[in-house]
């Protein structure tokens, strides 16, 4: 079979898969056009098998180099993102009605065929329920709302009580931290997979042409920069978010819940990205059974019609019960992903996320991180905090992600270690947090369960994006308070490539050199006025 007909089949299959993913994430039983989820699943199954046969029978030796690349990309997608099960088609609301049994024997679940998959699924189901059901002072909170409240509460004892209430999330992942806890059993299975298949953290670094050992040194250097740029006094873990939340406390009253979307759209419009014209959709309201992790995905992909590009239909999923600076930053981050994928103008085989998750995650922050700058705050909010406070807010989350990344690396090197102690050692030395090895307070990120090693993408991505942000300002100019040419510039130099070029080539060509940690370290020095 010729490549062109197969690529058309590939494009059609991706469209159905995208609709399945968005419909499922919406907690709906039918697509926005009324097509049932079951019908979408049926279409997917009927379309995938012929495509698999077509791709298998194309002789790559007869193709030009670009077509060989396209064929390889489609075959890889078919084996990965376009898996045969077409994603979990159970709606979020339906999943919520079937409450998982969270009083289970993790040791028993961790043995036998498909032990990893069974344990991972049960842990994530129980984690999902826990993060949506934090009980505090007669109210039911979700994880993000609870953490946001820790940054806002002036009453230290109240912060302590809320921190204790979040214990239900930790226990969903690590139980009582005994040898038979879910996470301790899970990390042994995960470490065995890393030994057999290779570390995904090392793989991400190598894709970017970075030596994994050097990357780990960079992550440690960022934590060290935080250690020397912040006050040396030890603080309790329930005070960490409060210490980093001074900017949020000062400014969040200017960002009510109803204004999140307006501010988000305003800033991106000032950057030359009109979200309505790009057909970006949002699902931001709380819903029982909704995934606890914010994410952005294709609902449809840009495509050519009569030689003109028609916008795709990116969807942003998150849950916000309150406004505030922290939730605004997350929404800006997810919208950064949406405008990125809207700008990928490539043939169907290449119209996908880049080949490196660290770059993908980092690109969400190119524009978003400006919200911590005093000039951005004054322009969009009408008030500002000092540079030091803004940067502490910016980096308090980044260094925590880096700590989580190193935590995972160390736990997978020695899965017999006590995760509470590993976490306490990291956070006490670098983040000035009083060690509490009796608490599993590290167990608050779903990625630790559903995608071990993924936290490294946030960590590595923060280094990449600091480098890219510095280069954009050097080459194109400042965009803190907007620049109508910014989106076109980013599209031409970074966004448009998809899978047509490797992430390493895109980054190093844009930088004019290999990736470096210098930019993030220089920026962090501003916290101490240097």
Protein backbone atom coordinates (compact mmCIF):
# COMPACT_ATOMS: atom_id res chain seq x y z
CA UNK A 1 0.00 0.00 0.00
CA UNK A 2 1.17 3.55 -0.70
CA UNK A 3 2.00 5.83 2.23
CA UNK A 4 -0.50 8.63 1.48
CA UNK A 5 -3.68 6.52 1.89
CA UNK A 6 -2.27 5.00 5.08
CA UNK A 7 -1.49 8.46 6.45
CA UNK A 8 -5.08 9.55 5.75
CA UNK A 9 -6.30 6.51 7.68
CA UNK A 10 -3.90 7.45 10.48
CA UNK A 11 -5.29 10.99 10.61
CA UNK A 12 -8.87 9.69 10.81
CA UNK A 13 -7.99 7.25 13.58
CA UNK A 14 -6.32 10.00 15.61
CA UNK A 15 -9.46 12.12 15.33
CA UNK A 16 -11.61 9.35 16.80
CA UNK A 17 -9.05 8.67 19.54
CA UNK A 18 -8.94 12.37 20.46
CA UNK A 19 -12.73 12.48 20.76
CA UNK A 20 -12.74 9.36 22.94
CA UNK A 21 -10.14 10.89 25.25
CA UNK A 22 -11.95 14.22 25.63
CA UNK A 23 -15.38 12.61 26.09
CA UNK A 24 -14.05 10.29 28.77
CA UNK A 25 -12.22 13.12 30.55
CA UNK A 26 -15.41 15.21 30.50
CA UNK A 27 -17.16 12.45 32.42
CA UNK A 28 -19.67 12.23 29.57
CA UNK A 29 -21.35 9.33 27.85
CA UNK A 30 -21.42 11.08 24.46
CA UNK A 31 -19.27 13.42 22.38
CA UNK A 32 -20.24 17.08 22.03
CA UNK A 33 -21.94 16.23 18.73
CA UNK A 34 -24.07 13.54 20.40
CA UNK A 35 -22.09 10.50 19.26
CA UNK A 36 -22.02 7.98 22.09
CA UNK A 37 -18.78 6.89 23.66
CA UNK A 38 -19.63 3.31 22.76
CA UNK A 39 -20.05 4.26 19.10
CA UNK A 40 -16.72 6.11 19.11
CA UNK A 41 -15.10 3.01 20.58
CA UNK A 42 -16.67 0.83 17.92
CA UNK A 43 -15.41 3.13 15.17
CA UNK A 44 -11.95 3.13 16.65
CA UNK A 45 -11.77 -0.67 16.75
CA UNK A 46 -13.03 -0.96 13.18
CA UNK A 47 -10.48 1.60 11.90
CA UNK A 48 -7.38 0.55 13.80
CA UNK A 49 -6.94 -2.97 12.45
CA UNK A 50 -6.91 -1.95 8.74
CA UNK A 51 -4.42 0.82 9.53
CA UNK A 52 -2.15 -1.62 11.37
CA UNK A 53 -2.23 -3.93 8.35
CA UNK A 54 -1.56 -1.06 5.94
CA UNK A 55 1.44 0.25 7.89
CA UNK A 56 2.88 -3.24 8.28
CA UNK A 57 2.87 -3.79 4.50
CA UNK A 58 4.65 -0.58 3.46
CA UNK A 59 8.25 -1.11 2.38
CA UNK A 60 10.27 1.66 4.01
CA UNK A 61 13.21 1.02 1.70
CA UNK A 62 11.18 2.37 -1.20
CA UNK A 63 10.39 5.65 0.54
CA UNK A 64 12.15 9.00 0.54
CA UNK A 65 13.84 9.94 3.86
CA UNK A 66 11.01 12.16 5.12
CA UNK A 67 8.44 9.50 4.28
CA UNK A 68 10.55 6.91 6.09
CA UNK A 69 10.49 9.19 9.11
CA UNK A 70 6.71 9.58 8.79
CA UNK A 71 6.20 5.83 8.54
CA UNK A 72 8.30 5.28 11.64
CA UNK A 73 6.36 7.93 13.55
CA UNK A 74 3.02 6.34 12.64
CA UNK A 75 4.16 2.86 13.57
CA UNK A 76 5.43 4.18 16.92
CA UNK A 77 2.13 5.98 17.57
CA UNK A 78 0.17 2.86 16.77
CA UNK A 79 2.20 0.92 19.32
CA UNK A 80 1.97 3.71 21.91
CA UNK A 81 -0.68 6.41 22.07
CA UNK A 82 -2.94 4.64 19.59
CA UNK A 83 -3.04 1.48 21.65
CA UNK A 84 -5.54 -1.21 20.76
CA UNK A 85 -7.84 -0.47 23.72
CA UNK A 86 -8.37 3.16 22.58
CA UNK A 87 -8.12 4.48 26.13
CA UNK A 88 -10.39 3.95 29.11
CA UNK A 89 -13.84 4.74 27.80
CA UNK A 90 -15.60 4.65 31.18
CA UNK A 91 -16.83 8.13 32.01
CA UNK A 92 -15.62 9.86 35.12
CA UNK A 93 -19.11 9.85 36.67
CA UNK A 94 -19.58 6.15 36.01
CA UNK A 95 -16.20 5.42 37.55
CA UNK A 96 -17.22 7.38 40.63
CA UNK A 97 -20.26 5.14 41.21
CA UNK A 98 -18.05 2.06 41.41
CA UNK A 99 -16.04 2.96 44.52
CA UNK A 100 -12.80 0.97 44.74
CA UNK A 101 -12.01 -1.23 47.73
CA UNK A 102 -9.22 0.73 49.40
CA UNK A 103 -8.87 -1.62 52.35
CA UNK A 104 -6.80 -4.11 50.43
CA UNK A 105 -3.72 -6.28 50.89
CA UNK A 106 -1.00 -4.63 48.80
CA UNK A 107 1.38 -7.56 49.29
CA UNK A 108 -1.15 -9.98 47.83
CA UNK A 109 -1.96 -7.63 44.96
CA UNK A 110 1.75 -7.27 44.16
CA UNK A 111 2.14 -10.94 43.24
CA UNK A 112 1.08 -12.94 40.22
CA UNK A 113 0.51 -12.07 36.58
CA UNK A 114 0.00 -8.36 35.84
CA UNK A 115 0.84 -7.49 39.45
CA UNK A 116 2.24 -4.10 38.50
CA UNK A 117 -0.84 -3.12 36.51
CA UNK A 118 -3.28 -4.35 39.19
CA UNK A 119 -1.53 -2.56 42.03
CA UNK A 120 -1.01 0.63 40.02
CA UNK A 121 -4.69 0.73 39.08
CA UNK A 122 -5.94 0.15 42.62
CA UNK A 123 -3.55 2.70 44.11
CA UNK A 124 -4.53 5.35 41.59
CA UNK A 125 -8.26 4.72 42.06
CA UNK A 126 -7.89 5.11 45.82
CA UNK A 127 -5.63 8.14 45.43
CA UNK A 128 -8.17 9.77 43.10
CA UNK A 129 -10.94 9.35 45.66
CA UNK A 130 -8.73 10.60 48.47
CA UNK A 131 -7.60 13.79 46.73
CA UNK A 132 -11.22 14.74 46.14
CA UNK A 133 -12.39 14.03 49.70
CA UNK A 134 -10.16 15.90 52.16
CA UNK A 135 -12.33 16.58 55.20
CA UNK A 136 -11.51 19.75 57.11
CA UNK A 137 -13.61 21.80 59.50
CA UNK A 138 -16.86 20.44 58.12
CA UNK A 139 -15.92 20.99 54.47
CA UNK A 140 -14.86 18.63 51.69
CA UNK A 141 -11.78 19.87 49.85
CA UNK A 142 -9.69 18.61 46.94
CA UNK A 143 -5.91 18.39 47.08
CA UNK A 144 -5.17 21.60 45.17
CA UNK A 145 -7.64 23.62 47.21
CA UNK A 146 -6.20 22.27 50.47
CA UNK A 147 -2.63 23.07 49.43
CA UNK A 148 -3.71 26.51 48.28
CA UNK A 149 -5.26 27.08 51.71
CA UNK A 150 -1.97 26.15 53.39
CA UNK A 151 -0.40 29.07 51.55
CA UNK A 152 -3.15 31.44 52.71
CA UNK A 153 -3.78 30.57 56.38
CA UNK A 154 -2.19 32.97 58.85
CA UNK A 155 -3.09 30.75 61.82
CA UNK A 156 -0.19 28.32 62.21
CA UNK A 157 -2.19 25.83 64.29
CA UNK A 158 -4.93 25.81 61.68
CA UNK A 159 -2.30 25.07 59.02
CA UNK A 160 -1.07 22.18 61.16
CA UNK A 161 -4.60 20.77 61.44
CA UNK A 162 -5.15 21.03 57.68
CA UNK A 163 -1.81 19.36 57.03
CA UNK A 164 -2.92 16.52 59.30
CA UNK A 165 -6.23 16.26 57.39
CA UNK A 166 -4.34 15.68 54.13
CA UNK A 167 -3.04 12.50 55.74
CA UNK A 168 -5.87 10.64 53.97
CA UNK A 169 -4.10 11.33 50.65
CA UNK A 170 -0.74 10.07 51.91
CA UNK A 171 -2.31 6.91 53.31
CA UNK A 172 -4.02 6.14 50.01
CA UNK A 173 -0.54 5.81 48.53
CA UNK A 174 1.71 4.64 51.37
CA UNK A 175 -0.55 3.33 54.12
CA UNK A 176 1.29 3.32 57.44
CA UNK A 177 4.72 3.19 55.72
CA UNK A 178 5.17 -0.40 56.83
CA UNK A 179 7.04 -2.88 54.66
CA UNK A 180 3.72 -4.00 53.17
CA UNK A 181 2.47 -0.52 52.27
CA UNK A 182 1.11 0.00 48.75
CA UNK A 183 3.93 2.30 47.63
CA UNK A 184 6.69 0.12 49.09
CA UNK A 185 5.28 -2.85 47.20
CA UNK A 186 4.71 -0.78 44.07
CA UNK A 187 8.20 0.76 43.92
CA UNK A 188 9.77 -2.71 44.05
CA UNK A 189 7.76 -3.71 40.98
CA UNK A 190 8.51 -0.40 39.28
CA UNK A 191 12.24 -0.64 40.02
CA UNK A 192 12.30 -4.10 38.47
CA UNK A 193 10.75 -2.65 35.31
CA UNK A 194 13.36 0.14 35.27
CA UNK A 195 16.13 -2.45 35.58
CA UNK A 196 14.67 -4.50 32.74
CA UNK A 197 13.69 -1.67 30.39
CA UNK A 198 15.92 1.20 31.49
CA UNK A 199 15.22 4.26 33.58
CA UNK A 200 12.72 6.64 31.92
CA UNK A 201 14.54 9.49 33.65
CA UNK A 202 17.84 8.54 32.03
CA UNK A 203 16.06 8.03 28.70
CA UNK A 204 14.62 11.55 28.80
CA UNK A 205 18.05 13.02 29.46
CA UNK A 206 19.68 11.03 26.66
CA UNK A 207 17.02 12.10 24.15
CA UNK A 208 18.12 15.65 24.93
CA UNK A 209 21.80 14.63 24.53
CA UNK A 210 22.45 15.19 28.22
CA UNK A 211 24.46 12.73 30.24
CA UNK A 212 22.10 11.37 32.95
CA UNK A 213 24.76 11.74 35.63
CA UNK A 214 25.27 15.38 34.61
CA UNK A 215 21.51 15.97 34.67
CA UNK A 216 21.30 14.68 38.23
CA UNK A 217 24.09 17.09 39.20
CA UNK A 218 22.11 19.94 37.62
CA UNK A 219 19.03 19.03 39.67
CA UNK A 220 21.09 18.97 42.83
CA UNK A 221 22.64 22.35 41.90
CA UNK A 222 19.16 23.90 41.61
CA UNK A 223 18.23 22.58 45.05
CA UNK A 224 21.52 23.92 46.38
CA UNK A 225 20.76 27.33 44.86
CA UNK A 226 17.46 27.33 46.74
CA UNK A 227 19.21 26.28 49.96
CA UNK A 228 21.67 29.19 49.87
CA UNK A 229 19.16 31.79 48.58
CA UNK A 230 16.49 31.25 51.22
CA UNK A 231 16.55 31.80 55.00
CA UNK A 232 18.42 29.02 56.83
CA UNK A 233 15.89 28.64 59.66
CA UNK A 234 14.14 25.26 59.64
CA UNK A 235 10.39 25.31 59.03
CA UNK A 236 7.68 22.70 59.54
CA UNK A 237 6.24 21.02 56.42
CA UNK A 238 2.85 22.60 57.07
CA UNK A 239 4.56 26.01 56.88
CA UNK A 240 6.42 25.43 53.59
CA UNK A 241 3.59 26.53 51.30
CA UNK A 242 2.88 29.49 53.58
CA UNK A 243 6.51 30.64 53.39
CA UNK A 244 6.39 30.44 49.61
CA UNK A 245 2.90 31.92 49.45
CA UNK A 246 3.55 35.54 50.42
CA UNK A 247 2.96 36.65 46.83
CA UNK A 248 -0.22 34.62 46.65
CA UNK A 249 -1.54 36.09 49.91
CA UNK A 250 -0.83 39.61 48.73
CA UNK A 251 -2.37 39.23 45.29
CA UNK A 252 -4.97 36.45 45.31
CA UNK A 253 -7.82 38.74 46.39
CA UNK A 254 -7.37 40.40 42.99
CA UNK A 255 -7.92 37.05 41.24
CA UNK A 256 -11.40 35.74 42.12
CA UNK A 257 -12.50 32.42 40.67
CA UNK A 258 -14.66 34.06 38.01
CA UNK A 259 -11.67 36.07 36.75
CA UNK A 260 -9.29 33.15 36.18
CA UNK A 261 -10.41 32.58 32.62
CA UNK A 262 -10.59 36.28 31.81
CA UNK A 263 -7.04 37.00 33.00
CA UNK A 264 -5.75 33.89 31.25
CA UNK A 265 -7.33 34.89 27.93
CA UNK A 266 -6.22 38.52 28.32
CA UNK A 267 -2.55 37.64 28.72
CA UNK A 268 -2.43 35.20 25.83
CA UNK A 269 -4.30 37.64 23.61
CA UNK A 270 -1.60 40.20 24.44
CA UNK A 271 0.95 37.59 23.32
CA UNK A 272 -0.78 37.21 19.96
CA UNK A 273 -2.65 33.98 20.80
CA UNK A 274 -6.42 34.45 20.60
CA UNK A 275 -7.81 31.46 22.52
CA UNK A 276 -11.28 31.70 20.99
CA UNK A 277 -9.85 31.76 17.46
CA UNK A 278 -7.68 28.75 18.36
CA UNK A 279 -10.81 26.90 19.58
CA UNK A 280 -9.36 26.19 23.03
CA UNK A 281 -11.91 24.57 25.38
CA UNK A 282 -11.86 24.40 29.18
CA UNK A 283 -13.34 21.96 31.72
CA UNK A 284 -12.47 23.56 35.07
CA UNK A 285 -15.41 22.88 37.38
CA UNK A 286 -15.26 20.26 40.18
CA UNK A 287 -16.91 16.92 39.41
CA UNK A 288 -17.05 13.67 41.32
CA UNK A 289 -14.77 11.14 39.68
CA UNK A 290 -12.83 13.75 37.71
CA UNK A 291 -9.12 13.07 37.33
CA UNK A 292 -7.11 14.92 40.00
CA UNK A 293 -4.30 15.84 37.61
CA UNK A 294 -4.57 18.95 35.42
CA UNK A 295 -3.76 18.25 31.77
CA UNK A 296 -4.25 19.42 28.21
CA UNK A 297 -4.93 17.26 25.19
CA UNK A 298 -5.99 17.30 21.56
CA UNK A 299 -9.73 17.28 21.06
CA UNK A 300 -9.02 17.67 17.39
CA UNK A 301 -5.84 18.53 15.51
CA UNK A 302 -5.01 21.36 13.13
CA UNK A 303 -5.47 20.25 9.54
CA UNK A 304 -5.28 21.60 6.01
CA UNK A 305 -8.40 22.44 4.03
CA UNK A 306 -7.80 23.90 0.55
CA UNK A 307 -4.20 24.71 1.51
CA UNK A 308 -5.30 26.68 4.60
CA UNK A 309 -4.79 25.55 8.18
CA UNK A 310 -7.97 24.98 10.18
CA UNK A 311 -7.51 25.21 13.97
CA UNK A 312 -7.66 22.12 16.12
CA UNK A 313 -9.67 21.85 19.33
CA UNK A 314 -7.40 21.67 22.39
CA UNK A 315 -9.06 20.85 25.72
CA UNK A 316 -7.75 21.93 29.13
CA UNK A 317 -8.87 19.91 32.15
CA UNK A 318 -8.35 21.12 35.72
CA UNK A 319 -10.40 21.64 38.87
CA UNK A 320 -10.72 25.02 40.57
CA UNK A 321 -12.94 25.86 43.52
CA UNK A 322 -11.19 29.16 44.23
CA UNK A 323 -9.21 31.72 42.29
CA UNK A 324 -5.82 33.04 43.40
CA UNK A 325 -2.34 33.38 42.00
CA UNK A 326 -1.45 29.69 42.28
CA UNK A 327 -4.45 28.47 40.33
CA UNK A 328 -3.95 31.24 37.77
CA UNK A 329 -0.37 30.10 37.21
CA UNK A 330 -1.51 26.51 36.68
CA UNK A 331 -4.18 27.65 34.21
CA UNK A 332 -1.59 29.74 32.35
CA UNK A 333 0.65 26.66 32.25
CA UNK A 334 -2.06 24.43 30.78
CA UNK A 335 -3.03 27.12 28.29
CA UNK A 336 0.65 27.25 27.32
CA UNK A 337 0.25 23.62 26.26
CA UNK A 338 -2.93 24.44 24.35
CA UNK A 339 -1.37 27.24 22.29
CA UNK A 340 1.65 25.03 21.66
CA UNK A 341 -0.32 22.16 20.13
CA UNK A 342 -2.48 24.65 18.24
CA UNK A 343 0.67 25.80 16.44
CA UNK A 344 1.87 22.36 15.29
CA UNK A 345 1.35 22.61 11.55
CA UNK A 346 2.71 19.36 10.13
CA UNK A 347 1.59 16.44 8.04
CA UNK A 348 -0.62 13.98 10.00
CA UNK A 349 2.24 11.62 10.83
CA UNK A 350 4.09 14.39 12.69
CA UNK A 351 1.13 16.28 14.18
CA UNK A 352 1.71 15.24 17.78
CA UNK A 353 3.47 16.25 20.97
CA UNK A 354 7.28 16.49 20.68
CA UNK A 355 9.36 13.38 21.27
CA UNK A 356 10.47 14.58 24.71
CA UNK A 357 8.13 15.04 27.67
CA UNK A 358 10.53 17.34 29.51
CA UNK A 359 10.41 19.84 26.64
CA UNK A 360 6.64 19.44 26.39
CA UNK A 361 6.11 20.12 30.09
CA UNK A 362 8.55 23.02 30.07
CA UNK A 363 6.87 24.74 27.12
CA UNK A 364 3.78 25.18 29.25
CA UNK A 365 5.79 27.55 31.44
CA UNK A 366 7.42 29.86 28.87
CA UNK A 367 4.66 32.44 29.27
CA UNK A 368 3.15 31.26 32.57
CA UNK A 369 6.16 32.01 34.75
CA UNK A 370 5.92 35.73 33.95
CA UNK A 371 3.04 35.99 36.44
CA UNK A 372 5.62 36.02 39.24
CA UNK A 373 7.31 39.15 37.92
CA UNK A 374 6.32 42.48 39.58
CA UNK A 375 5.76 44.19 36.20
CA UNK A 376 3.36 41.45 35.08
CA UNK A 377 1.46 41.69 38.35
CA UNK A 378 1.15 45.45 38.20
CA UNK A 379 0.02 45.36 34.57
CA UNK A 380 -2.59 42.60 34.90
CA UNK A 381 -3.56 42.74 38.58
CA UNK A 382 -3.01 46.37 39.53
CA UNK A 383 -0.64 45.56 42.38
CA UNK A 384 2.64 43.69 42.86
CA UNK A 385 5.07 42.15 45.33
CA UNK A 386 8.86 42.39 45.42
CA UNK A 387 11.03 40.45 43.00
CA UNK A 388 12.31 38.31 45.88
CA UNK A 389 8.81 37.30 46.96
CA UNK A 390 7.69 36.71 43.37
CA UNK A 391 10.67 34.47 42.66
CA UNK A 392 10.22 32.57 45.90
CA UNK A 393 6.66 31.82 44.75
CA UNK A 394 7.97 30.81 41.31
CA UNK A 395 10.66 28.46 42.56
CA UNK A 396 9.04 26.99 45.66
CA UNK A 397 7.00 24.69 43.42
CA UNK A 398 9.86 24.01 41.00
CA UNK A 399 12.31 22.92 43.71
CA UNK A 400 9.62 20.69 45.21
CA UNK A 401 9.18 19.02 41.79
CA UNK A 402 12.95 18.55 41.62
CA UNK A 403 12.95 17.04 45.09
CA UNK A 404 10.22 14.62 43.99
CA UNK A 405 12.25 13.73 40.91
CA UNK A 406 15.36 12.94 42.96
CA UNK A 407 13.18 11.06 45.45
CA UNK A 408 11.95 8.76 42.68
CA UNK A 409 15.46 8.23 41.32
CA UNK A 410 16.74 7.28 44.77
CA UNK A 411 13.79 5.05 45.59
CA UNK A 412 14.21 3.16 42.32
CA UNK A 413 17.92 2.70 43.01
CA UNK A 414 17.12 1.23 46.40
CA UNK A 415 13.46 0.17 46.54
CA UNK A 416 14.02 -1.34 49.97
CA UNK A 417 14.66 2.13 51.44
CA UNK A 418 12.11 3.84 53.67
CA UNK A 419 10.47 6.46 51.41
CA UNK A 420 9.64 8.69 54.37
CA UNK A 421 13.30 8.85 55.38
CA UNK A 422 14.50 9.43 51.81
CA UNK A 423 12.07 12.36 51.53
CA UNK A 424 12.94 13.75 54.94
CA UNK A 425 16.66 13.72 54.10
CA UNK A 426 16.13 15.57 50.81
CA UNK A 427 13.74 18.22 52.08
CA UNK A 428 15.54 18.92 55.34
CA UNK A 429 18.93 19.45 53.70
CA UNK A 430 17.87 21.48 50.66
CA UNK A 431 14.49 23.01 51.53
CA UNK A 432 15.08 23.76 55.23
CA UNK A 433 12.06 21.63 56.20
CA UNK A 434 12.12 19.99 59.63
CA UNK A 435 12.39 16.22 59.04
CA UNK A 436 9.31 14.17 59.93
CA UNK A 437 10.04 10.59 58.85
CA UNK A 438 6.83 9.56 60.61
CA UNK A 439 4.82 11.34 57.87
CA UNK A 440 4.41 10.23 54.24
CA UNK A 441 3.78 13.80 53.15
CA UNK A 442 5.69 13.22 49.93
CA UNK A 443 2.79 11.01 48.74
CA UNK A 444 0.67 13.73 47.17
CA UNK A 445 1.41 13.53 43.44
CA UNK A 446 -0.53 11.09 41.28
CA UNK A 447 2.34 10.90 38.80
CA UNK A 448 4.31 8.90 41.38
CA UNK A 449 1.81 6.10 40.81
CA UNK A 450 0.50 6.30 37.26
CA UNK A 451 3.82 7.27 35.64
CA UNK A 452 6.92 6.64 37.78
CA UNK A 453 9.76 8.87 36.63
CA UNK A 454 7.45 11.46 35.08
CA UNK A 455 8.22 14.03 37.78
CA UNK A 456 11.67 14.31 36.18
CA UNK A 457 10.00 15.94 33.18
CA UNK A 458 8.95 18.87 35.35
CA UNK A 459 12.43 19.01 36.86
CA UNK A 460 14.35 18.79 33.59
CA UNK A 461 11.76 20.97 31.90
CA UNK A 462 12.36 23.78 34.40
CA UNK A 463 16.03 23.87 33.40
CA UNK A 464 15.27 23.74 29.66
CA UNK A 465 12.64 26.43 29.85
CA UNK A 466 14.78 28.81 31.91
CA UNK A 467 17.35 28.47 29.12
CA UNK A 468 14.75 29.00 26.37
CA UNK A 469 13.07 31.92 28.17
CA UNK A 470 16.40 33.69 28.54
CA UNK A 471 17.16 33.12 24.86
CA UNK A 472 13.75 34.40 23.73
CA UNK A 473 14.26 37.63 25.67
CA UNK A 474 17.79 37.97 24.34
CA UNK A 475 16.84 37.37 20.70
CA UNK A 476 13.26 38.66 20.46
CA UNK A 477 12.68 40.92 23.43
CA UNK A 478 10.76 41.08 26.68
CA UNK A 479 7.19 39.76 26.78
CA UNK A 480 6.33 40.29 30.45
CA UNK A 481 3.42 42.62 29.75
CA UNK A 482 2.61 41.21 26.34
CA UNK A 483 3.99 41.24 22.82
CA UNK A 484 1.62 40.63 19.87
CA UNK A 485 4.46 39.07 17.85
CA UNK A 486 5.46 36.58 20.56
CA UNK A 487 3.18 33.73 19.48
CA UNK A 488 4.26 33.90 15.85
CA UNK A 489 7.91 33.95 16.97
CA UNK A 490 7.47 30.96 19.28
CA UNK A 491 5.56 29.11 16.58
CA UNK A 492 8.29 29.58 14.01
CA UNK A 493 11.19 28.70 16.28
CA UNK A 494 9.78 26.18 18.79
CA UNK A 495 6.11 25.24 18.59
CA UNK A 496 5.49 24.19 15.02
CA UNK A 497 7.65 21.08 14.75
CA UNK A 498 5.71 18.31 16.52
CA UNK A 499 7.45 15.06 15.61
CA UNK A 500 8.98 16.37 12.39
CA UNK A 501 12.24 17.14 14.21
CA UNK A 502 13.78 15.81 17.39
CA UNK A 503 13.44 17.89 20.54
CA UNK A 504 17.20 17.94 20.91
CA UNK A 505 17.61 19.45 17.43
CA UNK A 506 14.89 22.05 18.03
CA UNK A 507 16.34 23.14 21.37
CA UNK A 508 20.02 23.21 20.47
CA UNK A 509 19.39 25.01 17.17
CA UNK A 510 17.33 27.64 18.97
CA UNK A 511 19.89 28.08 21.74
CA UNK A 512 22.86 27.89 19.40
CA UNK A 513 24.56 25.52 21.89
CA UNK A 514 23.80 22.54 24.15
CA UNK A 515 21.34 22.88 27.03
CA UNK A 516 22.79 24.44 30.19
CA UNK A 517 21.62 24.94 33.79
CA UNK A 518 23.21 28.40 33.93
CA UNK A 519 20.03 30.35 33.15
CA UNK A 520 17.96 28.91 35.99
CA UNK A 521 20.82 29.34 38.48
CA UNK A 522 21.32 32.98 37.45
CA UNK A 523 17.59 33.66 37.75
CA UNK A 524 17.41 32.08 41.21
CA UNK A 525 20.14 34.41 42.47
CA UNK A 526 17.64 37.25 42.14
CA UNK A 527 15.83 35.81 45.18
CA UNK A 528 18.74 37.01 47.30
CA UNK A 529 19.03 40.32 45.45
CA UNK A 530 22.08 39.22 43.46
